Amino acid sequence: MPKKDIGLGIVSIGFGAWVYYIATTLKKKAAFWPKIVAVGIIALGVIILIQGIIALVKANKAAAAAGKTAEVKTAVKQETVKYLKVAAVVGLLVVFYFLFQYVSYILATVLLVTGTSVILGYRNWKVLIPTAIVVAVLLYVAFSQVFHVHFPGAFY
């Protein structure tokens, strides 16, 4: 897993650099937020890369110190479960993309937040549903009023 974290960190840094480069071709005002996002992606990529390198060094030391057969089997099982969750969340994002075009932004976002929480294992519905609604409404207000991104409507 540490090798995959290292790869993800490198890819994230490269992607963030590409986004930043593309943002420099935009007008100054329009480039502000893409540049902020690009810097965030690069920073997170650096963090993932450093954590991956640290985990790889620790794994190499642990493997050298003891036999690693049982550790490898449990690591493979945990990795498979994590990848299934990641694939499910990616699938949910694709559904959100298409759903957003046919239902309101707020409804699609509530479904996205709820679905992602359930996939990741959180099932306290008394907290989950109100939180999803509040997040969706606050995101709508932030994007429409603060960032001036115009959606076709809050509820349509």
N, C-alpha and C. Protein backbone atom coordinates (compact mmCIF):
# COMPACT_ATOMS: atom_id res chain seq x y z
N MET A 1 0.81 -1.20 0.00
CA MET A 1 0.00 0.00 0.00
C MET A 1 0.85 1.27 0.00
N PRO A 2 1.98 1.30 0.69
CA PRO A 2 2.78 2.53 0.66
C PRO A 2 3.22 2.90 -0.76
N LYS A 3 3.50 1.90 -1.59
CA LYS A 3 3.92 2.21 -2.96
C LYS A 3 2.78 2.88 -3.73
N LYS A 4 1.56 2.45 -3.45
CA LYS A 4 0.41 3.06 -4.12
C LYS A 4 0.20 4.49 -3.62
N ASP A 5 0.46 4.73 -2.34
CA ASP A 5 0.36 6.09 -1.81
C ASP A 5 1.41 6.99 -2.46
N ILE A 6 2.58 6.45 -2.67
CA ILE A 6 3.63 7.23 -3.32
C ILE A 6 3.20 7.57 -4.75
N GLY A 7 2.66 6.58 -5.45
CA GLY A 7 2.17 6.81 -6.81
C GLY A 7 1.04 7.83 -6.84
N LEU A 8 0.10 7.71 -5.89
CA LEU A 8 -1.01 8.66 -5.82
C LEU A 8 -0.51 10.07 -5.53
N GLY A 9 0.47 10.19 -4.66
CA GLY A 9 1.05 11.50 -4.35
C GLY A 9 1.69 12.13 -5.57
N ILE A 10 2.44 11.33 -6.33
CA ILE A 10 3.10 11.86 -7.53
C ILE A 10 2.06 12.27 -8.57
N VAL A 11 1.04 11.42 -8.77
CA VAL A 11 -0.01 11.75 -9.74
C VAL A 11 -0.77 13.00 -9.30
N SER A 12 -1.05 13.14 -8.02
CA SER A 12 -1.76 14.32 -7.52
C SER A 12 -0.94 15.59 -7.73
N ILE A 13 0.34 15.51 -7.48
CA ILE A 13 1.20 16.68 -7.70
C ILE A 13 1.21 17.05 -9.18
N GLY A 14 1.33 16.04 -10.04
CA GLY A 14 1.31 16.30 -11.47
C GLY A 14 -0.02 16.88 -11.94
N PHE A 15 -1.12 16.32 -11.44
CA PHE A 15 -2.44 16.83 -11.81
C PHE A 15 -2.62 18.27 -11.32
N GLY A 16 -2.21 18.54 -10.10
CA GLY A 16 -2.32 19.90 -9.56
C GLY A 16 -1.50 20.89 -10.37
N ALA A 17 -0.30 20.47 -10.78
CA ALA A 17 0.54 21.34 -11.60
C ALA A 17 -0.11 21.60 -12.95
N TRP A 18 -0.73 20.57 -13.52
CA TRP A 18 -1.43 20.74 -14.80
C TRP A 18 -2.60 21.70 -14.66
N VAL A 19 -3.40 21.55 -13.60
CA VAL A 19 -4.54 22.45 -13.36
C VAL A 19 -4.03 23.88 -13.19
N TYR A 20 -2.94 24.05 -12.46
CA TYR A 20 -2.39 25.39 -12.26
C TYR A 20 -1.93 25.99 -13.59
N TYR A 21 -1.28 25.17 -14.41
CA TYR A 21 -0.84 25.65 -15.72
C TYR A 21 -2.03 26.07 -16.58
N ILE A 22 -3.06 25.27 -16.60
CA ILE A 22 -4.27 25.61 -17.37
C ILE A 22 -4.89 26.89 -16.82
N ALA A 23 -4.88 27.06 -15.50
CA ALA A 23 -5.47 28.26 -14.90
C ALA A 23 -4.70 29.52 -15.28
N THR A 24 -3.42 29.39 -15.56
CA THR A 24 -2.66 30.57 -15.95
C THR A 24 -3.05 31.08 -17.34
N THR A 25 -3.72 30.26 -18.11
CA THR A 25 -4.17 30.69 -19.44
C THR A 25 -5.50 31.43 -19.38
N LEU A 26 -6.15 31.42 -18.21
CA LEU A 26 -7.42 32.12 -18.05
C LEU A 26 -7.19 33.60 -17.72
N LYS A 27 -8.28 34.36 -17.77
CA LYS A 27 -8.19 35.75 -17.34
C LYS A 27 -7.88 35.78 -15.85
N LYS A 28 -7.31 36.90 -15.40
CA LYS A 28 -6.83 37.00 -14.02
C LYS A 28 -7.93 36.70 -13.00
N LYS A 29 -9.11 37.29 -13.16
CA LYS A 29 -10.20 37.06 -12.20
C LYS A 29 -10.69 35.62 -12.25
N ALA A 30 -10.81 35.08 -13.44
CA ALA A 30 -11.33 33.72 -13.60
C ALA A 30 -10.33 32.67 -13.11
N ALA A 31 -9.06 33.00 -13.07
CA ALA A 31 -8.03 32.04 -12.70
C ALA A 31 -7.83 31.92 -11.20
N PHE A 32 -8.42 32.79 -10.40
CA PHE A 32 -8.15 32.81 -8.97
C PHE A 32 -8.51 31.48 -8.30
N TRP A 33 -9.77 31.04 -8.43
CA TRP A 33 -10.20 29.81 -7.74
C TRP A 33 -9.55 28.56 -8.31
N PRO A 34 -9.40 28.42 -9.62
CA PRO A 34 -8.68 27.24 -10.10
C PRO A 34 -7.24 27.16 -9.58
N LYS A 35 -6.60 28.31 -9.43
CA LYS A 35 -5.24 28.30 -8.88
C LYS A 35 -5.25 27.87 -7.41
N ILE A 36 -6.23 28.33 -6.66
CA ILE A 36 -6.35 27.93 -5.25
C ILE A 36 -6.55 26.42 -5.15
N VAL A 37 -7.46 25.89 -5.98
CA VAL A 37 -7.72 24.45 -5.97
C VAL A 37 -6.47 23.69 -6.38
N ALA A 38 -5.76 24.17 -7.40
CA ALA A 38 -4.54 23.50 -7.86
C ALA A 38 -3.48 23.45 -6.76
N VAL A 39 -3.31 24.55 -6.05
CA VAL A 39 -2.34 24.57 -4.95
C VAL A 39 -2.77 23.59 -3.85
N GLY A 40 -4.07 23.51 -3.58
CA GLY A 40 -4.57 22.54 -2.61
C GLY A 40 -4.30 21.11 -3.03
N ILE A 41 -4.52 20.80 -4.31
CA ILE A 41 -4.25 19.46 -4.83
C ILE A 41 -2.76 19.13 -4.71
N ILE A 42 -1.92 20.08 -5.04
CA ILE A 42 -0.48 19.87 -4.94
C ILE A 42 -0.07 19.64 -3.49
N ALA A 43 -0.60 20.45 -2.57
CA ALA A 43 -0.27 20.30 -1.15
C ALA A 43 -0.70 18.94 -0.62
N LEU A 44 -1.91 18.53 -0.97
CA LEU A 44 -2.37 17.21 -0.53
C LEU A 44 -1.55 16.10 -1.16
N GLY A 45 -1.15 16.28 -2.42
CA GLY A 45 -0.28 15.30 -3.06
C GLY A 45 1.05 15.16 -2.36
N VAL A 46 1.61 16.29 -1.93
CA VAL A 46 2.88 16.26 -1.20
C VAL A 46 2.70 15.53 0.13
N ILE A 47 1.59 15.80 0.81
CA ILE A 47 1.32 15.13 2.10
C ILE A 47 1.19 13.62 1.89
N ILE A 48 0.44 13.21 0.88
CA ILE A 48 0.27 11.78 0.60
C ILE A 48 1.61 11.14 0.24
N LEU A 49 2.40 11.84 -0.55
CA LEU A 49 3.71 11.32 -0.95
C LEU A 49 4.61 11.12 0.27
N ILE A 50 4.65 12.10 1.15
CA ILE A 50 5.49 11.99 2.36
C ILE A 50 5.00 10.86 3.25
N GLN A 51 3.68 10.74 3.44
CA GLN A 51 3.15 9.66 4.26
C GLN A 51 3.45 8.30 3.63
N GLY A 52 3.38 8.22 2.31
CA GLY A 52 3.69 6.96 1.63
C GLY A 52 5.14 6.57 1.81
N ILE A 53 6.03 7.54 1.72
CA ILE A 53 7.46 7.26 1.90
C ILE A 53 7.73 6.80 3.33
N ILE A 54 7.12 7.48 4.29
CA ILE A 54 7.29 7.09 5.70
C ILE A 54 6.74 5.69 5.94
N ALA A 55 5.56 5.39 5.39
CA ALA A 55 4.97 4.06 5.57
C ALA A 55 5.82 2.99 4.89
N LEU A 56 6.39 3.29 3.74
CA LEU A 56 7.25 2.32 3.04
C LEU A 56 8.50 2.02 3.86
N VAL A 57 9.09 3.04 4.44
CA VAL A 57 10.27 2.83 5.27
C VAL A 57 9.91 1.97 6.48
N LYS A 58 8.79 2.27 7.12
CA LYS A 58 8.36 1.49 8.29
C LYS A 58 8.05 0.05 7.89
N ALA A 59 7.39 -0.14 6.75
CA ALA A 59 7.05 -1.49 6.30
C ALA A 59 8.30 -2.30 5.99
N ASN A 60 9.28 -1.67 5.40
CA ASN A 60 10.54 -2.37 5.11
C ASN A 60 11.25 -2.77 6.39
N LYS A 61 11.24 -1.88 7.39
CA LYS A 61 11.87 -2.21 8.67
C LYS A 61 11.12 -3.35 9.36
N ALA A 62 9.77 -3.29 9.33
CA ALA A 62 8.96 -4.33 9.98
C ALA A 62 9.12 -5.67 9.26
N ALA A 63 9.19 -5.65 7.93
CA ALA A 63 9.34 -6.88 7.16
C ALA A 63 10.69 -7.52 7.42
N ALA A 64 11.70 -6.69 7.60
CA ALA A 64 13.03 -7.22 7.87
C ALA A 64 13.12 -7.80 9.28
N ALA A 65 12.35 -7.24 10.20
CA ALA A 65 12.41 -7.68 11.59
C ALA A 65 11.64 -8.97 11.83
N ALA A 66 10.55 -9.20 11.09
CA ALA A 66 9.72 -10.37 11.35
C ALA A 66 9.19 -10.95 10.05
N GLY A 67 8.64 -12.16 10.15
CA GLY A 67 8.00 -12.77 8.98
C GLY A 67 6.75 -11.99 8.64
N LYS A 68 6.43 -11.92 7.34
CA LYS A 68 5.34 -11.05 6.95
C LYS A 68 4.18 -11.76 6.27
N THR A 69 4.02 -13.06 6.41
CA THR A 69 2.96 -13.77 5.68
C THR A 69 1.58 -13.39 6.18
N ALA A 70 1.36 -13.37 7.48
CA ALA A 70 0.04 -13.04 8.02
C ALA A 70 -0.29 -11.58 7.76
N GLU A 71 0.72 -10.71 7.88
CA GLU A 71 0.50 -9.29 7.64
C GLU A 71 0.10 -9.02 6.20
N VAL A 72 0.69 -9.74 5.27
CA VAL A 72 0.39 -9.54 3.85
C VAL A 72 -1.05 -9.95 3.55
N LYS A 73 -1.51 -11.07 4.12
CA LYS A 73 -2.88 -11.53 3.87
C LYS A 73 -3.90 -10.53 4.39
N THR A 74 -3.72 -10.02 5.59
CA THR A 74 -4.69 -9.05 6.11
C THR A 74 -4.61 -7.74 5.35
N ALA A 75 -3.42 -7.35 4.94
CA ALA A 75 -3.28 -6.11 4.17
C ALA A 75 -4.00 -6.22 2.84
N VAL A 76 -3.92 -7.38 2.18
CA VAL A 76 -4.60 -7.57 0.89
C VAL A 76 -6.11 -7.50 1.07
N LYS A 77 -6.63 -8.12 2.13
CA LYS A 77 -8.08 -8.07 2.38
C LYS A 77 -8.53 -6.64 2.65
N GLN A 78 -7.80 -5.90 3.47
CA GLN A 78 -8.17 -4.52 3.78
C GLN A 78 -8.09 -3.65 2.54
N GLU A 79 -7.09 -3.87 1.69
CA GLU A 79 -6.94 -3.08 0.47
C GLU A 79 -8.10 -3.31 -0.48
N THR A 80 -8.55 -4.57 -0.61
CA THR A 80 -9.67 -4.89 -1.49
C THR A 80 -10.93 -4.17 -1.04
N VAL A 81 -11.21 -4.17 0.25
CA VAL A 81 -12.38 -3.50 0.77
C VAL A 81 -12.30 -2.00 0.51
N LYS A 82 -11.14 -1.41 0.71
CA LYS A 82 -10.97 0.03 0.47
C LYS A 82 -11.18 0.37 -0.99
N TYR A 83 -10.68 -0.46 -1.89
CA TYR A 83 -10.85 -0.19 -3.32
C TYR A 83 -12.31 -0.31 -3.74
N LEU A 84 -13.04 -1.23 -3.14
CA LEU A 84 -14.46 -1.35 -3.46
C LEU A 84 -15.21 -0.10 -3.00
N LYS A 85 -14.86 0.42 -1.85
CA LYS A 85 -15.49 1.64 -1.36
C LYS A 85 -15.15 2.82 -2.25
N VAL A 86 -13.90 2.91 -2.67
CA VAL A 86 -13.50 4.00 -3.56
C VAL A 86 -14.25 3.90 -4.88
N ALA A 87 -14.36 2.69 -5.42
CA ALA A 87 -15.08 2.50 -6.68
C ALA A 87 -16.55 2.87 -6.51
N ALA A 88 -17.14 2.53 -5.37
CA ALA A 88 -18.55 2.87 -5.13
C ALA A 88 -18.73 4.39 -5.05
N VAL A 89 -17.82 5.08 -4.39
CA VAL A 89 -17.92 6.54 -4.29
C VAL A 89 -17.72 7.19 -5.66
N VAL A 90 -16.79 6.67 -6.45
CA VAL A 90 -16.60 7.20 -7.81
C VAL A 90 -17.87 6.98 -8.63
N GLY A 91 -18.46 5.79 -8.51
CA GLY A 91 -19.72 5.53 -9.20
C GLY A 91 -20.81 6.49 -8.75
N LEU A 92 -20.86 6.78 -7.46
CA LEU A 92 -21.84 7.73 -6.93
C LEU A 92 -21.61 9.13 -7.49
N LEU A 93 -20.36 9.52 -7.66
CA LEU A 93 -20.05 10.82 -8.25
C LEU A 93 -20.51 10.90 -9.71
N VAL A 94 -20.38 9.80 -10.43
CA VAL A 94 -20.86 9.77 -11.82
C VAL A 94 -22.38 9.90 -11.84
N VAL A 95 -23.05 9.18 -10.94
CA VAL A 95 -24.51 9.29 -10.84
C VAL A 95 -24.89 10.72 -10.47
N PHE A 96 -24.16 11.34 -9.55
CA PHE A 96 -24.42 12.73 -9.16
C PHE A 96 -24.32 13.66 -10.36
N TYR A 97 -23.31 13.46 -11.19
CA TYR A 97 -23.11 14.29 -12.37
C TYR A 97 -24.33 14.25 -13.28
N PHE A 98 -24.83 13.06 -13.55
CA PHE A 98 -25.98 12.94 -14.44
C PHE A 98 -27.28 13.34 -13.75
N LEU A 99 -27.39 13.03 -12.44
CA LEU A 99 -28.60 13.37 -11.69
C LEU A 99 -28.74 14.88 -11.55
N PHE A 100 -27.62 15.56 -11.36
CA PHE A 100 -27.61 17.01 -11.21
C PHE A 100 -28.26 17.70 -12.41
N GLN A 101 -28.17 17.10 -13.57
CA GLN A 101 -28.73 17.71 -14.78
C GLN A 101 -30.25 17.57 -14.85
N TYR A 102 -30.82 16.64 -14.10
CA TYR A 102 -32.26 16.38 -14.20
C TYR A 102 -33.05 16.74 -12.94
N VAL A 103 -32.39 16.80 -11.81
CA VAL A 103 -33.06 17.21 -10.57
C VAL A 103 -32.30 18.41 -10.02
N SER A 104 -32.77 18.96 -8.94
CA SER A 104 -32.13 20.16 -8.39
C SER A 104 -30.75 19.86 -7.82
N TYR A 105 -29.95 20.91 -7.73
CA TYR A 105 -28.63 20.80 -7.15
C TYR A 105 -28.72 20.32 -5.70
N ILE A 106 -29.65 20.88 -4.97
CA ILE A 106 -29.76 20.55 -3.55
C ILE A 106 -30.14 19.09 -3.36
N LEU A 107 -31.12 18.60 -4.10
CA LEU A 107 -31.53 17.19 -3.98
C LEU A 107 -30.39 16.26 -4.38
N ALA A 108 -29.72 16.56 -5.47
CA ALA A 108 -28.61 15.71 -5.91
C ALA A 108 -27.48 15.71 -4.87
N THR A 109 -27.20 16.85 -4.26
CA THR A 109 -26.14 16.94 -3.26
C THR A 109 -26.53 16.20 -1.98
N VAL A 110 -27.79 16.29 -1.58
CA VAL A 110 -28.26 15.53 -0.40
C VAL A 110 -28.06 14.04 -0.65
N LEU A 111 -28.43 13.58 -1.84
CA LEU A 111 -28.25 12.17 -2.17
C LEU A 111 -26.77 11.79 -2.21
N LEU A 112 -25.93 12.67 -2.72
CA LEU A 112 -24.49 12.40 -2.77
C LEU A 112 -23.90 12.29 -1.37
N VAL A 113 -24.20 13.24 -0.52
CA VAL A 113 -23.65 13.23 0.85
C VAL A 113 -24.16 12.01 1.61
N THR A 114 -25.44 11.72 1.48
CA THR A 114 -26.02 10.56 2.17
C THR A 114 -25.41 9.27 1.65
N GLY A 115 -25.34 9.13 0.33
CA GLY A 115 -24.78 7.91 -0.25
C GLY A 115 -23.32 7.70 0.13
N THR A 116 -22.54 8.76 0.08
CA THR A 116 -21.13 8.65 0.44
C THR A 116 -20.97 8.26 1.90
N SER A 117 -21.76 8.84 2.76
CA SER A 117 -21.68 8.51 4.19
C SER A 117 -22.03 7.05 4.43
N VAL A 118 -23.06 6.56 3.77
CA VAL A 118 -23.46 5.16 3.94
C VAL A 118 -22.38 4.23 3.41
N ILE A 119 -21.81 4.55 2.25
CA ILE A 119 -20.75 3.72 1.69
C ILE A 119 -19.55 3.65 2.64
N LEU A 120 -19.24 4.77 3.27
CA LEU A 120 -18.10 4.81 4.18
C LEU A 120 -18.41 4.29 5.57
N GLY A 121 -19.66 3.85 5.79
CA GLY A 121 -19.98 3.16 7.03
C GLY A 121 -20.75 3.94 8.07
N TYR A 122 -21.14 5.17 7.81
CA TYR A 122 -21.87 5.96 8.79
C TYR A 122 -23.36 5.77 8.55
N ARG A 123 -24.08 5.30 9.58
CA ARG A 123 -25.50 5.00 9.39
C ARG A 123 -26.39 5.54 10.51
N ASN A 124 -25.99 6.61 11.14
CA ASN A 124 -26.84 7.25 12.14
C ASN A 124 -27.76 8.22 11.40
N TRP A 125 -28.94 7.75 11.02
CA TRP A 125 -29.84 8.50 10.14
C TRP A 125 -30.34 9.79 10.78
N LYS A 126 -30.45 9.83 12.11
CA LYS A 126 -30.93 11.04 12.79
C LYS A 126 -29.94 12.20 12.62
N VAL A 127 -28.70 11.89 12.42
CA VAL A 127 -27.68 12.90 12.19
C VAL A 127 -27.41 13.06 10.70
N LEU A 128 -27.42 11.96 9.99
CA LEU A 128 -27.03 11.94 8.58
C LEU A 128 -27.93 12.78 7.69
N ILE A 129 -29.23 12.60 7.79
CA ILE A 129 -30.16 13.31 6.90
C ILE A 129 -30.13 14.83 7.15
N PRO A 130 -30.27 15.29 8.40
CA PRO A 130 -30.19 16.75 8.60
C PRO A 130 -28.84 17.34 8.18
N THR A 131 -27.77 16.61 8.44
CA THR A 131 -26.44 17.10 8.04
C THR A 131 -26.34 17.20 6.53
N ALA A 132 -26.84 16.20 5.82
CA ALA A 132 -26.80 16.23 4.35
C ALA A 132 -27.59 17.41 3.80
N ILE A 133 -28.74 17.68 4.40
CA ILE A 133 -29.57 18.80 3.95
C ILE A 133 -28.86 20.13 4.21
N VAL A 134 -28.31 20.29 5.40
CA VAL A 134 -27.61 21.53 5.75
C VAL A 134 -26.40 21.73 4.84
N VAL A 135 -25.62 20.67 4.61
CA VAL A 135 -24.45 20.78 3.73
C VAL A 135 -24.87 21.19 2.32
N ALA A 136 -25.92 20.56 1.81
CA ALA A 136 -26.38 20.87 0.45
C ALA A 136 -26.85 22.32 0.33
N VAL A 137 -27.62 22.78 1.30
CA VAL A 137 -28.12 24.16 1.25
C VAL A 137 -26.97 25.15 1.41
N LEU A 138 -26.06 24.89 2.33
CA LEU A 138 -24.92 25.80 2.52
C LEU A 138 -24.02 25.84 1.29
N LEU A 139 -23.80 24.69 0.65
CA LEU A 139 -23.01 24.69 -0.57
C LEU A 139 -23.71 25.47 -1.69
N TYR A 140 -25.03 25.30 -1.78
CA TYR A 140 -25.77 26.04 -2.80
C TYR A 140 -25.65 27.55 -2.56
N VAL A 141 -25.82 27.97 -1.31
CA VAL A 141 -25.73 29.39 -0.99
C VAL A 141 -24.30 29.89 -1.23
N ALA A 142 -23.32 29.11 -0.82
CA ALA A 142 -21.93 29.54 -1.01
C ALA A 142 -21.61 29.70 -2.49
N PHE A 143 -21.97 28.73 -3.30
CA PHE A 143 -21.64 28.81 -4.72
C PHE A 143 -22.46 29.88 -5.43
N SER A 144 -23.72 30.00 -5.08
CA SER A 144 -24.56 30.96 -5.82
C SER A 144 -24.37 32.40 -5.34
N GLN A 145 -24.16 32.62 -4.06
CA GLN A 145 -24.09 33.97 -3.52
C GLN A 145 -22.65 34.48 -3.37
N VAL A 146 -21.76 33.61 -2.91
CA VAL A 146 -20.39 34.04 -2.64
C VAL A 146 -19.52 33.94 -3.90
N PHE A 147 -19.58 32.77 -4.56
CA PHE A 147 -18.72 32.54 -5.72
C PHE A 147 -19.39 32.92 -7.03
N HIS A 148 -20.65 33.29 -6.97
CA HIS A 148 -21.43 33.72 -8.13
C HIS A 148 -21.48 32.68 -9.25
N VAL A 149 -21.61 31.43 -8.86
CA VAL A 149 -21.83 30.34 -9.81
C VAL A 149 -23.34 30.19 -9.93
N HIS A 150 -23.85 30.33 -11.12
CA HIS A 150 -25.31 30.31 -11.31
C HIS A 150 -25.79 28.93 -11.71
N PHE A 151 -26.62 28.35 -10.85
CA PHE A 151 -27.28 27.11 -11.16
C PHE A 151 -28.65 27.41 -11.74
N PRO A 152 -29.24 26.49 -12.48
CA PRO A 152 -30.57 26.75 -13.04
C PRO A 152 -31.60 27.05 -11.96
N GLY A 153 -31.45 26.53 -10.77
CA GLY A 153 -32.39 26.82 -9.69
C GLY A 153 -32.09 25.96 -8.49
N ALA A 154 -32.51 26.42 -7.32
CA ALA A 154 -32.29 25.64 -6.11
C ALA A 154 -33.17 24.40 -6.14
N PHE A 155 -34.42 24.57 -6.49
CA PHE A 155 -35.36 23.47 -6.59
C PHE A 155 -36.06 23.60 -7.93
N TYR A 156 -35.83 22.69 -8.82
CA TYR A 156 -36.50 22.74 -10.12
C TYR A 156 -36.75 21.33 -10.60
